[in-house]
């Protein structure tokens, strides 16, 4: 199969017009288009990878079952997402088993349909700290190391607070199990954040949201996130959670190789442009992955290649998925064709077109 485009975003930058050749789901060549070959005015990018999806529309991943997962697949593919992490928020410890079992079952479906890959579950809580946001304060608690030792293999990412009791022990334990540890919902000091990064944390959850403010004498978690190259940051680019100027600042401070665009999408059927608690507290987003990319490019001045890297390449690297997240020979053919305005036209998963 050959997929042509006027513009192709590769690890080397912007190329094209050109053709991506796919064989058995793998990219086998990226070639310049022949001079006489008509090429569509579209942009070809690697499939988006979303580390934080709580729900979409009226579908909450914590309660999803049966055909709910097919609907989630359809909605994700429509926004160019080819790999994702269903995300569970703070709850009593005994309430995680059921949702995690359903996520694990959804991840192993093999009915021949084209669907985005579930890389694993993201547990955002309950081991959080002083900036719980929309998480129920009465359910936030210190890490339970015995419970963490028994986590099912489907858990791939965990957000916790550096200041939580036994946080460092929890980070070490999770890293031994191959879990990506992210720091968030925290009022940790700069020093506490650095110690957690020393212990193995590799990511900061939705930078600037759910954490203490950046102060010039007490930089806190934000200061550590923006200045420590060992840690990447995830970023909600709906232009509501973070001002466009701050989105631009984050890309200048971290570079795209250390930024992962996330939607933090939640099930929501209420009024307004963003979900909120009655007191006005933000409780997730409704932005889609392709809209986040457009926002970064069109409203904050982020170069297209950098936005694509943050939407795909960086999250793939954070998850240890070396087979995707880029358009180059040997990579899995998870691809998205975007119109010139960066709206999704087509999505392919391992070379198979989504329908």
C-alpha atoms as a PDB file:
ATOM      1  CA  UNK A   1       0.000   0.000   0.000  1.00  0.00           C
ATOM      2  CA  UNK A   2       1.173   3.506  -0.820  1.00  0.00           C
ATOM      3  CA  UNK A   3      -0.040   6.628   0.962  1.00  0.00           C
ATOM      4  CA  UNK A   4       0.915   9.935  -0.630  1.00  0.00           C
ATOM      5  CA  UNK A   5       0.765  13.432   0.772  1.00  0.00           C
ATOM      6  CA  UNK A   6       2.006  16.882  -0.067  1.00  0.00           C
ATOM      7  CA  UNK A   7       3.618  17.081   3.383  1.00  0.00           C
ATOM      8  CA  UNK A   8       5.001  14.265   5.538  1.00  0.00           C
ATOM      9  CA  UNK A   9       6.205  14.849   9.095  1.00  0.00           C
ATOM     10  CA  UNK A  10       9.182  12.568   9.797  1.00  0.00           C
ATOM     11  CA  UNK A  11      11.821  12.528  12.542  1.00  0.00           C
ATOM     12  CA  UNK A  12      13.975  14.588  10.184  1.00  0.00           C
ATOM     13  CA  UNK A  13      11.350  17.296   9.929  1.00  0.00           C
ATOM     14  CA  UNK A  14       8.931  18.273   7.183  1.00  0.00           C
ATOM     15  CA  UNK A  15       9.265  16.407   3.901  1.00  0.00           C
ATOM     16  CA  UNK A  16       7.243  16.086   0.733  1.00  0.00           C
ATOM     17  CA  UNK A  17       5.558  15.748  -1.499  1.00  0.00           C
ATOM     18  CA  UNK A  18       6.142  12.070  -0.893  1.00  0.00           C
ATOM     19  CA  UNK A  19       4.826   8.576  -0.451  1.00  0.00           C
ATOM     20  CA  UNK A  20       4.861   6.225   2.517  1.00  0.00           C
ATOM     21  CA  UNK A  21       5.018   2.592   1.450  1.00  0.00           C
ATOM     22  CA  UNK A  22       3.448   0.076   3.839  1.00  0.00           C
ATOM     23  CA  UNK A  23       3.821  -3.695   3.792  1.00  0.00           C
ATOM     24  CA  UNK A  24       2.134  -5.956   6.337  1.00  0.00           C
ATOM     25  CA  UNK A  25       1.439  -3.034   8.652  1.00  0.00           C
ATOM     26  CA  UNK A  26       5.037  -1.748   8.675  1.00  0.00           C
ATOM     27  CA  UNK A  27       6.514   1.284   6.930  1.00  0.00           C
ATOM     28  CA  UNK A  28       9.037  -0.055   4.435  1.00  0.00           C
ATOM     29  CA  UNK A  29       9.876   3.142   2.569  1.00  0.00           C
ATOM     30  CA  UNK A  30       9.397   6.903   2.656  1.00  0.00           C
ATOM     31  CA  UNK A  31      10.000   8.146  -0.860  1.00  0.00           C
ATOM     32  CA  UNK A  32       9.776  11.416  -2.775  1.00  0.00           C
ATOM     33  CA  UNK A  33       6.728  11.528  -5.037  1.00  0.00           C
ATOM     34  CA  UNK A  34       7.420  11.109  -8.725  1.00  0.00           C
ATOM     35  CA  UNK A  35       7.259  14.460 -10.559  1.00  0.00           C
ATOM     36  CA  UNK A  36       4.275  13.341 -12.646  1.00  0.00           C
ATOM     37  CA  UNK A  37       2.330  11.803  -9.763  1.00  0.00           C
ATOM     38  CA  UNK A  38      -0.605  13.864  -8.439  1.00  0.00           C
ATOM     39  CA  UNK A  39      -0.389  14.251  -4.665  1.00  0.00           C
ATOM     40  CA  UNK A  40      -3.207  15.286  -2.364  1.00  0.00           C
ATOM     41  CA  UNK A  41      -2.806  18.542  -0.486  1.00  0.00           C
ATOM     42  CA  UNK A  42      -2.729  16.857   2.898  1.00  0.00           C
ATOM     43  CA  UNK A  43      -0.332  16.358   5.786  1.00  0.00           C
ATOM     44  CA  UNK A  44       0.675  12.843   6.835  1.00  0.00           C
ATOM     45  CA  UNK A  45       1.651  12.423  10.496  1.00  0.00           C
ATOM     46  CA  UNK A  46       2.137   9.510  12.891  1.00  0.00           C
ATOM     47  CA  UNK A  47      -0.957   8.439  14.813  1.00  0.00           C
ATOM     48  CA  UNK A  48      -1.602  10.389  17.992  1.00  0.00           C
ATOM     49  CA  UNK A  49      -0.954   8.757  21.374  1.00  0.00           C
ATOM     50  CA  UNK A  50      -3.082  10.029  24.268  1.00  0.00           C
ATOM     51  CA  UNK A  51      -1.839   9.204  27.763  1.00  0.00           C
ATOM     52  CA  UNK A  52      -4.951  10.476  29.551  1.00  0.00           C
ATOM     53  CA  UNK A  53      -8.518   9.717  28.468  1.00  0.00           C
ATOM     54  CA  UNK A  54     -11.146   9.434  31.194  1.00  0.00           C
ATOM     55  CA  UNK A  55     -14.098   9.346  28.836  1.00  0.00           C
ATOM     56  CA  UNK A  56     -15.650  10.800  25.711  1.00  0.00           C
ATOM     57  CA  UNK A  57     -19.158  12.136  25.276  1.00  0.00           C
ATOM     58  CA  UNK A  58     -21.296  10.232  27.762  1.00  0.00           C
ATOM     59  CA  UNK A  59     -18.920   7.244  27.938  1.00  0.00           C
ATOM     60  CA  UNK A  60     -16.792   6.996  31.096  1.00  0.00           C
ATOM     61  CA  UNK A  61     -13.985   4.442  30.883  1.00  0.00           C
ATOM     62  CA  UNK A  62     -14.509   3.559  34.558  1.00  0.00           C
ATOM     63  CA  UNK A  63     -17.938   2.177  33.680  1.00  0.00           C
ATOM     64  CA  UNK A  64     -17.404   1.177  30.049  1.00  0.00           C
ATOM     65  CA  UNK A  65     -18.313  -2.373  29.062  1.00  0.00           C
ATOM     66  CA  UNK A  66     -19.279  -4.314  25.960  1.00  0.00           C
ATOM     67  CA  UNK A  67     -19.983  -2.137  22.953  1.00  0.00           C
ATOM     68  CA  UNK A  68     -19.027   0.993  24.871  1.00  0.00           C
ATOM     69  CA  UNK A  69     -15.446   0.192  23.965  1.00  0.00           C
ATOM     70  CA  UNK A  70     -16.326  -0.001  20.248  1.00  0.00           C
ATOM     71  CA  UNK A  71     -17.864   3.472  20.475  1.00  0.00           C
ATOM     72  CA  UNK A  72     -14.787   4.803  22.266  1.00  0.00           C
ATOM     73  CA  UNK A  73     -12.628   3.268  19.530  1.00  0.00           C
ATOM     74  CA  UNK A  74     -14.659   4.986  16.822  1.00  0.00           C
ATOM     75  CA  UNK A  75     -14.482   8.362  18.507  1.00  0.00           C
ATOM     76  CA  UNK A  76     -10.743   8.092  19.128  1.00  0.00           C
ATOM     77  CA  UNK A  77      -9.955   7.058  15.556  1.00  0.00           C
ATOM     78  CA  UNK A  78     -11.991  10.016  14.291  1.00  0.00           C
ATOM     79  CA  UNK A  79      -9.604  12.351  16.120  1.00  0.00           C
ATOM     80  CA  UNK A  80      -6.482  10.516  14.900  1.00  0.00           C
ATOM     81  CA  UNK A  81      -5.694   8.586  18.102  1.00  0.00           C
ATOM     82  CA  UNK A  82      -4.121   5.199  17.386  1.00  0.00           C
ATOM     83  CA  UNK A  83      -2.845   4.374  20.909  1.00  0.00           C
ATOM     84  CA  UNK A  84      -4.310   5.478  24.236  1.00  0.00           C
ATOM     85  CA  UNK A  85      -4.430   5.015  27.990  1.00  0.00           C
ATOM     86  CA  UNK A  86      -7.886   4.713  29.587  1.00  0.00           C
ATOM     87  CA  UNK A  87      -7.630   6.748  32.775  1.00  0.00           C
ATOM     88  CA  UNK A  88      -9.194   6.092  36.179  1.00  0.00           C
ATOM     89  CA  UNK A  89      -9.363   8.814  38.804  1.00  0.00           C
ATOM     90  CA  UNK A  90      -9.356   8.736  42.598  1.00  0.00           C
ATOM     91  CA  UNK A  91     -11.595   6.098  44.179  1.00  0.00           C
ATOM     92  CA  UNK A  92     -11.463   3.686  47.133  1.00  0.00           C
ATOM     93  CA  UNK A  93      -8.768   1.075  46.514  1.00  0.00           C
ATOM     94  CA  UNK A  94     -11.297  -1.751  46.298  1.00  0.00           C
ATOM     95  CA  UNK A  95     -13.117   0.019  43.443  1.00  0.00           C
ATOM     96  CA  UNK A  96     -10.270  -0.252  40.917  1.00  0.00           C
ATOM     97  CA  UNK A  97     -10.349  -4.011  40.316  1.00  0.00           C
ATOM     98  CA  UNK A  98     -13.518  -4.085  38.227  1.00  0.00           C
ATOM     99  CA  UNK A  99     -12.636  -1.218  35.863  1.00  0.00           C
ATOM    100  CA  UNK A 100      -9.092  -2.531  35.452  1.00  0.00           C
ATOM    101  CA  UNK A 101     -10.426  -5.975  34.531  1.00  0.00           C
ATOM    102  CA  UNK A 102     -12.696  -4.404  31.912  1.00  0.00           C
ATOM    103  CA  UNK A 103      -9.845  -2.305  30.505  1.00  0.00           C
ATOM    104  CA  UNK A 104      -7.637  -5.397  30.301  1.00  0.00           C
ATOM    105  CA  UNK A 105     -10.379  -7.300  28.481  1.00  0.00           C
ATOM    106  CA  UNK A 106     -10.914  -4.396  26.072  1.00  0.00           C
ATOM    107  CA  UNK A 107      -7.167  -4.290  25.363  1.00  0.00           C
ATOM    108  CA  UNK A 108      -7.151  -7.932  24.218  1.00  0.00           C
ATOM    109  CA  UNK A 109     -10.148  -7.839  21.863  1.00  0.00           C
ATOM    110  CA  UNK A 110      -9.350  -9.619  18.598  1.00  0.00           C
ATOM    111  CA  UNK A 111     -12.415  -9.516  16.389  1.00  0.00           C
ATOM    112  CA  UNK A 112     -10.724  -8.210  13.262  1.00  0.00           C
ATOM    113  CA  UNK A 113     -11.917  -4.627  13.678  1.00  0.00           C
ATOM    114  CA  UNK A 114      -9.588  -1.694  13.226  1.00  0.00           C
ATOM    115  CA  UNK A 115      -9.229  -0.080  16.637  1.00  0.00           C
ATOM    116  CA  UNK A 116      -6.706   2.047  18.537  1.00  0.00           C
ATOM    117  CA  UNK A 117      -4.335   0.137  20.775  1.00  0.00           C
ATOM    118  CA  UNK A 118      -4.899   0.317  24.523  1.00  0.00           C
ATOM    119  CA  UNK A 119      -1.350   0.702  25.827  1.00  0.00           C
ATOM    120  CA  UNK A 120      -2.508   0.251  29.416  1.00  0.00           C
ATOM    121  CA  UNK A 121      -4.431   2.002  32.135  1.00  0.00           C
ATOM    122  CA  UNK A 122      -3.456   5.303  33.714  1.00  0.00           C
ATOM    123  CA  UNK A 123      -4.303   5.595  37.413  1.00  0.00           C
ATOM    124  CA  UNK A 124      -4.605   9.271  38.311  1.00  0.00           C
ATOM    125  CA  UNK A 125      -4.859   8.887  42.078  1.00  0.00           C
ATOM    126  CA  UNK A 126      -5.725   8.182  44.795  1.00  0.00           C
ATOM    127  CA  UNK A 127      -2.173   8.827  46.054  1.00  0.00           C
ATOM    128  CA  UNK A 128      -2.320  12.575  45.476  1.00  0.00           C
ATOM    129  CA  UNK A 129      -1.323  15.648  47.454  1.00  0.00           C
ATOM    130  CA  UNK A 130      -2.224  19.223  48.217  1.00  0.00           C
ATOM    131  CA  UNK A 131      -3.830  20.194  44.882  1.00  0.00           C
ATOM    132  CA  UNK A 132      -6.562  17.594  44.353  1.00  0.00           C
ATOM    133  CA  UNK A 133      -8.577  19.682  41.907  1.00  0.00           C
ATOM    134  CA  UNK A 134     -11.775  17.759  41.113  1.00  0.00           C
ATOM    135  CA  UNK A 135     -10.615  14.617  42.932  1.00  0.00           C
ATOM    136  CA  UNK A 136     -12.611  13.846  46.113  1.00  0.00           C
ATOM    137  CA  UNK A 137     -10.461  15.057  48.982  1.00  0.00           C
ATOM    138  CA  UNK A 138     -11.805  12.448  51.394  1.00  0.00           C
ATOM    139  CA  UNK A 139     -10.557   9.624  49.159  1.00  0.00           C
ATOM    140  CA  UNK A 140      -6.993  10.896  48.731  1.00  0.00           C
ATOM    141  CA  UNK A 141      -4.571   8.845  50.767  1.00  0.00           C
ATOM    142  CA  UNK A 142      -0.939   7.825  51.184  1.00  0.00           C
ATOM    143  CA  UNK A 143       0.400   5.106  48.871  1.00  0.00           C
ATOM    144  CA  UNK A 144      -0.405   1.564  49.933  1.00  0.00           C
ATOM    145  CA  UNK A 145       2.723  -0.352  48.975  1.00  0.00           C
ATOM    146  CA  UNK A 146       1.113  -3.778  49.380  1.00  0.00           C
ATOM    147  CA  UNK A 147      -1.728  -2.726  47.077  1.00  0.00           C
ATOM    148  CA  UNK A 148       0.762  -1.411  44.543  1.00  0.00           C
ATOM    149  CA  UNK A 149       2.669  -4.690  44.569  1.00  0.00           C
ATOM    150  CA  UNK A 150      -0.510  -6.455  43.468  1.00  0.00           C
ATOM    151  CA  UNK A 151      -1.412  -4.108  40.635  1.00  0.00           C
ATOM    152  CA  UNK A 152      -2.440  -5.961  37.478  1.00  0.00           C
ATOM    153  CA  UNK A 153      -0.145  -5.709  34.481  1.00  0.00           C
ATOM    154  CA  UNK A 154      -2.646  -3.544  32.593  1.00  0.00           C
ATOM    155  CA  UNK A 155      -1.578  -0.537  34.701  1.00  0.00           C
ATOM    156  CA  UNK A 156       0.947   1.386  32.599  1.00  0.00           C
ATOM    157  CA  UNK A 157       0.940   4.921  34.078  1.00  0.00           C
ATOM    158  CA  UNK A 158       0.351   6.246  37.586  1.00  0.00           C
ATOM    159  CA  UNK A 159       0.041   9.833  38.768  1.00  0.00           C
ATOM    160  CA  UNK A 160       0.990  10.476  42.405  1.00  0.00           C
ATOM    161  CA  UNK A 161       2.187  13.375  44.542  1.00  0.00           C
ATOM    162  CA  UNK A 162       5.842  13.691  45.612  1.00  0.00           C
ATOM    163  CA  UNK A 163       4.835  14.936  49.077  1.00  0.00           C
ATOM    164  CA  UNK A 164       2.648  11.907  49.857  1.00  0.00           C
ATOM    165  CA  UNK A 165       3.880   9.656  52.646  1.00  0.00           C
ATOM    166  CA  UNK A 166       5.916   6.762  51.172  1.00  0.00           C
ATOM    167  CA  UNK A 167       5.868   8.397  47.733  1.00  0.00           C
ATOM    168  CA  UNK A 168       9.527   7.629  47.088  1.00  0.00           C
ATOM    169  CA  UNK A 169       9.055   3.970  47.987  1.00  0.00           C
ATOM    170  CA  UNK A 170       5.996   3.845  45.746  1.00  0.00           C
ATOM    171  CA  UNK A 171       7.902   5.376  42.832  1.00  0.00           C
ATOM    172  CA  UNK A 172      10.716   2.846  43.164  1.00  0.00           C
ATOM    173  CA  UNK A 173       8.248  -0.031  43.362  1.00  0.00           C
ATOM    174  CA  UNK A 174       6.289   1.152  40.321  1.00  0.00           C
ATOM    175  CA  UNK A 175       9.426   1.678  38.259  1.00  0.00           C
ATOM    176  CA  UNK A 176      10.526  -1.884  39.059  1.00  0.00           C
ATOM    177  CA  UNK A 177       7.208  -3.028  37.619  1.00  0.00           C
ATOM    178  CA  UNK A 178       7.709  -0.972  34.457  1.00  0.00           C
ATOM    179  CA  UNK A 179       5.035   1.597  35.283  1.00  0.00           C
ATOM    180  CA  UNK A 180       5.518   5.163  34.043  1.00  0.00           C
ATOM    181  CA  UNK A 181       5.355   7.370  37.149  1.00  0.00           C
ATOM    182  CA  UNK A 182       3.967  10.868  36.751  1.00  0.00           C
ATOM    183  CA  UNK A 183       3.885  13.603  39.375  1.00  0.00           C
ATOM    184  CA  UNK A 184       0.725  15.619  39.813  1.00  0.00           C
ATOM    185  CA  UNK A 185      -2.066  17.073  41.927  1.00  0.00           C
ATOM    186  CA  UNK A 186       0.644  18.307  44.226  1.00  0.00           C
ATOM    187  CA  UNK A 187       1.911  21.264  46.197  1.00  0.00           C
ATOM    188  CA  UNK A 188       5.362  19.709  46.550  1.00  0.00           C
ATOM    189  CA  UNK A 189       8.374  21.954  46.942  1.00  0.00           C
ATOM    190  CA  UNK A 190      11.000  22.162  44.236  1.00  0.00           C
ATOM    191  CA  UNK A 191      13.254  19.990  46.389  1.00  0.00           C
ATOM    192  CA  UNK A 192      10.557  17.355  46.979  1.00  0.00           C
ATOM    193  CA  UNK A 193       9.861  17.218  43.260  1.00  0.00           C
ATOM    194  CA  UNK A 194      13.569  16.788  42.502  1.00  0.00           C
ATOM    195  CA  UNK A 195      13.822  13.931  44.977  1.00  0.00           C
ATOM    196  CA  UNK A 196      10.865  12.198  43.319  1.00  0.00           C
ATOM    197  CA  UNK A 197      12.535  12.611  39.927  1.00  0.00           C
ATOM    198  CA  UNK A 198      15.721  11.168  41.420  1.00  0.00           C
ATOM    199  CA  UNK A 199      13.638   8.168  42.531  1.00  0.00           C
ATOM    200  CA  UNK A 200      12.451   7.503  38.978  1.00  0.00           C
ATOM    201  CA  UNK A 201       9.482   9.720  38.116  1.00  0.00           C
ATOM    202  CA  UNK A 202       9.601  10.550  34.400  1.00  0.00           C
ATOM    203  CA  UNK A 203       6.556  12.719  33.761  1.00  0.00           C
ATOM    204  CA  UNK A 204       4.514  15.564  35.279  1.00  0.00           C
ATOM    205  CA  UNK A 205       0.746  15.319  34.777  1.00  0.00           C
ATOM    206  CA  UNK A 206      -0.991  18.228  32.972  1.00  0.00           C
ATOM    207  CA  UNK A 207       1.656  20.834  33.713  1.00  0.00           C
ATOM    208  CA  UNK A 208       0.438  23.911  35.642  1.00  0.00           C
ATOM    209  CA  UNK A 209      -2.932  22.265  36.358  1.00  0.00           C
ATOM    210  CA  UNK A 210      -3.389  20.533  39.701  1.00  0.00           C
ATOM    211  CA  UNK A 211      -0.215  21.885  41.278  1.00  0.00           C
ATOM    212  CA  UNK A 212       1.097  24.808  43.275  1.00  0.00           C
ATOM    213  CA  UNK A 213       1.753  28.045  41.416  1.00  0.00           C
ATOM    214  CA  UNK A 214       5.194  28.922  40.095  1.00  0.00           C
ATOM    215  CA  UNK A 215       6.827  31.446  42.428  1.00  0.00           C
ATOM    216  CA  UNK A 216      10.201  33.027  41.787  1.00  0.00           C
ATOM    217  CA  UNK A 217      11.526  32.084  45.242  1.00  0.00           C
ATOM    218  CA  UNK A 218       9.602  28.845  45.646  1.00  0.00           C
ATOM    219  CA  UNK A 219       9.384  27.285  42.170  1.00  0.00           C
ATOM    220  CA  UNK A 220       7.699  24.092  43.357  1.00  0.00           C
ATOM    221  CA  UNK A 221       6.693  21.248  41.075  1.00  0.00           C
ATOM    222  CA  UNK A 222       6.188  23.566  38.093  1.00  0.00           C
ATOM    223  CA  UNK A 223       9.716  24.882  38.443  1.00  0.00           C
ATOM    224  CA  UNK A 224      11.138  21.380  38.608  1.00  0.00           C
ATOM    225  CA  UNK A 225       9.015  20.271  35.662  1.00  0.00           C
ATOM    226  CA  UNK A 226      10.199  23.110  33.427  1.00  0.00           C
ATOM    227  CA  UNK A 227      13.896  22.976  34.311  1.00  0.00           C
ATOM    228  CA  UNK A 228      14.740  19.302  34.893  1.00  0.00           C
ATOM    229  CA  UNK A 229      15.418  17.605  31.563  1.00  0.00           C
ATOM    230  CA  UNK A 230      14.991  14.170  33.116  1.00  0.00           C
ATOM    231  CA  UNK A 231      11.246  14.676  33.350  1.00  0.00           C
ATOM    232  CA  UNK A 232       8.716  15.294  30.594  1.00  0.00           C
ATOM    233  CA  UNK A 233       5.407  17.111  31.036  1.00  0.00           C
ATOM    234  CA  UNK A 234       1.946  16.402  29.736  1.00  0.00           C
ATOM    235  CA  UNK A 235      -0.091  19.382  28.609  1.00  0.00           C
ATOM    236  CA  UNK A 236      -3.792  20.025  28.019  1.00  0.00           C
ATOM    237  CA  UNK A 237      -3.843  22.320  24.978  1.00  0.00           C
ATOM    238  CA  UNK A 238      -7.511  23.273  25.005  1.00  0.00           C
ATOM    239  CA  UNK A 239      -6.469  26.921  25.639  1.00  0.00           C
ATOM    240  CA  UNK A 240      -8.657  26.909  28.747  1.00  0.00           C
ATOM    241  CA  UNK A 241      -6.623  24.829  31.179  1.00  0.00           C
ATOM    242  CA  UNK A 242      -3.462  26.689  30.136  1.00  0.00           C
ATOM    243  CA  UNK A 243      -3.280  30.137  28.517  1.00  0.00           C
ATOM    244  CA  UNK A 244      -1.857  30.146  24.964  1.00  0.00           C
ATOM    245  CA  UNK A 245       1.129  32.194  26.140  1.00  0.00           C
ATOM    246  CA  UNK A 246       1.933  29.551  28.750  1.00  0.00           C
ATOM    247  CA  UNK A 247       1.592  26.766  26.188  1.00  0.00           C
ATOM    248  CA  UNK A 248       4.209  28.623  24.160  1.00  0.00           C
ATOM    249  CA  UNK A 249       6.360  29.038  27.281  1.00  0.00           C
ATOM    250  CA  UNK A 250       6.238  25.299  28.024  1.00  0.00           C
ATOM    251  CA  UNK A 251       7.352  24.425  24.492  1.00  0.00           C
ATOM    252  CA  UNK A 252      10.228  26.893  24.771  1.00  0.00           C
ATOM    253  CA  UNK A 253      11.312  25.590  28.164  1.00  0.00           C
ATOM    254  CA  UNK A 254      11.001  21.856  27.531  1.00  0.00           C
ATOM    255  CA  UNK A 255      11.237  21.327  23.754  1.00  0.00           C
ATOM    256  CA  UNK A 256       8.810  18.945  22.031  1.00  0.00           C
ATOM    257  CA  UNK A 257      10.845  15.861  22.948  1.00  0.00           C
ATOM    258  CA  UNK A 258       9.828  16.411  26.581  1.00  0.00           C
ATOM    259  CA  UNK A 259       6.158  17.363  26.069  1.00  0.00           C
ATOM    260  CA  UNK A 260       3.186  15.038  25.620  1.00  0.00           C
ATOM    261  CA  UNK A 261      -0.066  16.578  24.478  1.00  0.00           C
ATOM    262  CA  UNK A 262      -3.001  14.971  26.294  1.00  0.00           C
ATOM    263  CA  UNK A 263      -6.723  15.584  26.130  1.00  0.00           C
ATOM    264  CA  UNK A 264      -7.615  14.661  29.734  1.00  0.00           C
ATOM    265  CA  UNK A 265     -11.019  14.092  28.139  1.00  0.00           C
ATOM    266  CA  UNK A 266     -13.887  13.201  30.455  1.00  0.00           C
ATOM    267  CA  UNK A 267     -17.436  11.989  29.990  1.00  0.00           C
ATOM    268  CA  UNK A 268     -19.471  15.173  29.871  1.00  0.00           C
ATOM    269  CA  UNK A 269     -22.913  16.169  28.666  1.00  0.00           C
ATOM    270  CA  UNK A 270     -23.292  19.410  30.598  1.00  0.00           C
ATOM    271  CA  UNK A 271     -23.314  23.021  29.539  1.00  0.00           C
ATOM    272  CA  UNK A 272     -20.297  25.178  28.804  1.00  0.00           C
ATOM    273  CA  UNK A 273     -17.080  24.687  26.875  1.00  0.00           C
ATOM    274  CA  UNK A 274     -15.300  22.763  29.616  1.00  0.00           C
ATOM    275  CA  UNK A 275     -16.460  20.454  32.434  1.00  0.00           C
ATOM    276  CA  UNK A 276     -16.536  22.065  35.865  1.00  0.00           C
ATOM    277  CA  UNK A 277     -17.707  21.237  39.348  1.00  0.00           C
ATOM    278  CA  UNK A 278     -20.476  23.443  40.770  1.00  0.00           C
ATOM    279  CA  UNK A 279     -17.827  25.596  42.469  1.00  0.00           C
ATOM    280  CA  UNK A 280     -16.115  26.237  39.133  1.00  0.00           C
ATOM    281  CA  UNK A 281     -13.228  23.781  39.567  1.00  0.00           C
ATOM    282  CA  UNK A 282     -12.056  22.335  36.256  1.00  0.00           C
ATOM    283  CA  UNK A 283     -12.722  18.594  36.085  1.00  0.00           C
ATOM    284  CA  UNK A 284     -11.091  17.502  32.845  1.00  0.00           C
ATOM    285  CA  UNK A 285     -11.581  18.610  29.265  1.00  0.00           C
ATOM    286  CA  UNK A 286     -13.568  17.933  26.128  1.00  0.00           C
ATOM    287  CA  UNK A 287     -10.832  18.792  23.638  1.00  0.00           C
ATOM    288  CA  UNK A 288      -9.947  16.182  21.021  1.00  0.00           C
ATOM    289  CA  UNK A 289      -6.399  15.165  20.130  1.00  0.00           C
ATOM    290  CA  UNK A 290      -6.535  16.788  16.705  1.00  0.00           C
ATOM    291  CA  UNK A 291      -7.992  20.002  18.153  1.00  0.00           C
ATOM    292  CA  UNK A 292      -5.157  20.102  20.702  1.00  0.00           C
ATOM    293  CA  UNK A 293      -2.666  19.859  17.836  1.00  0.00           C
ATOM    294  CA  UNK A 294      -4.422  22.647  15.929  1.00  0.00           C
ATOM    295  CA  UNK A 295      -4.535  24.832  19.016  1.00  0.00           C
ATOM    296  CA  UNK A 296      -0.816  24.432  19.578  1.00  0.00           C
ATOM    297  CA  UNK A 297      -0.007  25.307  15.970  1.00  0.00           C
ATOM    298  CA  UNK A 298      -2.603  27.961  15.166  1.00  0.00           C
ATOM    299  CA  UNK A 299      -2.931  29.764  18.496  1.00  0.00           C
ATOM    300  CA  UNK A 300       0.394  29.432  20.315  1.00  0.00           C
ATOM    301  CA  UNK A 301       2.966  29.524  17.506  1.00  0.00           C
ATOM    302  CA  UNK A 302       4.280  25.977  18.029  1.00  0.00           C
ATOM    303  CA  UNK A 303       5.854  24.654  14.800  1.00  0.00           C
ATOM    304  CA  UNK A 304       3.840  21.830  13.239  1.00  0.00           C
ATOM    305  CA  UNK A 305       6.689  19.318  13.506  1.00  0.00           C
ATOM    306  CA  UNK A 306       7.053  20.076  17.223  1.00  0.00           C
ATOM    307  CA  UNK A 307       3.321  19.716  17.857  1.00  0.00           C
ATOM    308  CA  UNK A 308       3.305  16.368  16.049  1.00  0.00           C
ATOM    309  CA  UNK A 309       6.250  15.194  18.114  1.00  0.00           C
ATOM    310  CA  UNK A 310       4.388  16.119  21.301  1.00  0.00           C
ATOM    311  CA  UNK A 311       1.193  14.434  20.115  1.00  0.00           C
ATOM    312  CA  UNK A 312       2.825  11.175  19.060  1.00  0.00           C
ATOM    313  CA  UNK A 313       6.579  10.660  19.299  1.00  0.00           C
ATOM    314  CA  UNK A 314       7.121  11.794  22.875  1.00  0.00           C
ATOM    315  CA  UNK A 315       4.226   9.842  24.425  1.00  0.00           C
ATOM    316  CA  UNK A 316       5.339   6.736  22.523  1.00  0.00           C
ATOM    317  CA  UNK A 317       8.824   7.088  23.982  1.00  0.00           C
ATOM    318  CA  UNK A 318       7.463   7.622  27.499  1.00  0.00           C
ATOM    319  CA  UNK A 319       5.452   4.410  27.214  1.00  0.00           C
ATOM    320  CA  UNK A 320       8.444   2.504  25.847  1.00  0.00           C
ATOM    321  CA  UNK A 321       6.642   1.885  22.539  1.00  0.00           C
ATOM    322  CA  UNK A 322       9.611   1.853  20.197  1.00  0.00           C
ATOM    323  CA  UNK A 323       7.569   0.542  17.267  1.00  0.00           C
ATOM    324  CA  UNK A 324       5.388   3.617  16.683  1.00  0.00           C
ATOM    325  CA  UNK A 325       5.093   7.360  17.044  1.00  0.00           C
ATOM    326  CA  UNK A 326       7.103   8.319  13.982  1.00  0.00           C
ATOM    327  CA  UNK A 327       7.075   7.966  10.203  1.00  0.00           C
ATOM    328  CA  UNK A 328      10.223   6.086   9.315  1.00  0.00           C
ATOM    329  CA  UNK A 329      11.221   2.724   7.906  1.00  0.00           C
ATOM    330  CA  UNK A 330      10.563  -0.102  10.365  1.00  0.00           C
ATOM    331  CA  UNK A 331       7.872   1.710  12.372  1.00  0.00           C
ATOM    332  CA  UNK A 332       4.315   0.474  12.626  1.00  0.00           C
ATOM    333  CA  UNK A 333       2.130   2.220  10.077  1.00  0.00           C
ATOM    334  CA  UNK A 334      -0.063   4.112  12.527  1.00  0.00           C
ATOM    335  CA  UNK A 335      -0.799   7.147  10.395  1.00  0.00           C
ATOM    336  CA  UNK A 336      -3.124  10.125  10.190  1.00  0.00           C
ATOM    337  CA  UNK A 337      -3.844  12.219   7.122  1.00  0.00           C
ATOM    338  CA  UNK A 338      -4.711  15.801   7.990  1.00  0.00           C
ATOM    339  CA  UNK A 339      -6.322  18.407   5.778  1.00  0.00           C
ATOM    340  CA  UNK A 340      -4.394  21.654   5.245  1.00  0.00           C
ATOM    341  CA  UNK A 341      -6.311  23.095   8.233  1.00  0.00           C
ATOM    342  CA  UNK A 342      -5.092  20.068  10.287  1.00  0.00           C
ATOM    343  CA  UNK A 343      -8.518  18.434  10.564  1.00  0.00           C
ATOM    344  CA  UNK A 344      -8.435  14.616  10.448  1.00  0.00           C
ATOM    345  CA  UNK A 345      -9.245  13.108   7.049  1.00  0.00           C
ATOM    346  CA  UNK A 346      -8.139   9.480   7.442  1.00  0.00           C
ATOM    347  CA  UNK A 347      -6.592   7.256  10.120  1.00  0.00           C
ATOM    348  CA  UNK A 348      -4.699   4.005   9.674  1.00  0.00           C
ATOM    349  CA  UNK A 349      -3.742   1.510  12.387  1.00  0.00           C
ATOM    350  CA  UNK A 350      -0.901  -0.828  11.388  1.00  0.00           C
ATOM    351  CA  UNK A 351      -1.639   0.091   7.787  1.00  0.00           C
ATOM    352  CA  UNK A 352      -5.338  -0.734   8.002  1.00  0.00           C
ATOM    353  CA  UNK A 353      -7.750   2.114   7.275  1.00  0.00           C
ATOM    354  CA  UNK A 354     -10.259   2.970   9.964  1.00  0.00           C
ATOM    355  CA  UNK A 355     -13.871   2.907   8.760  1.00  0.00           C
END
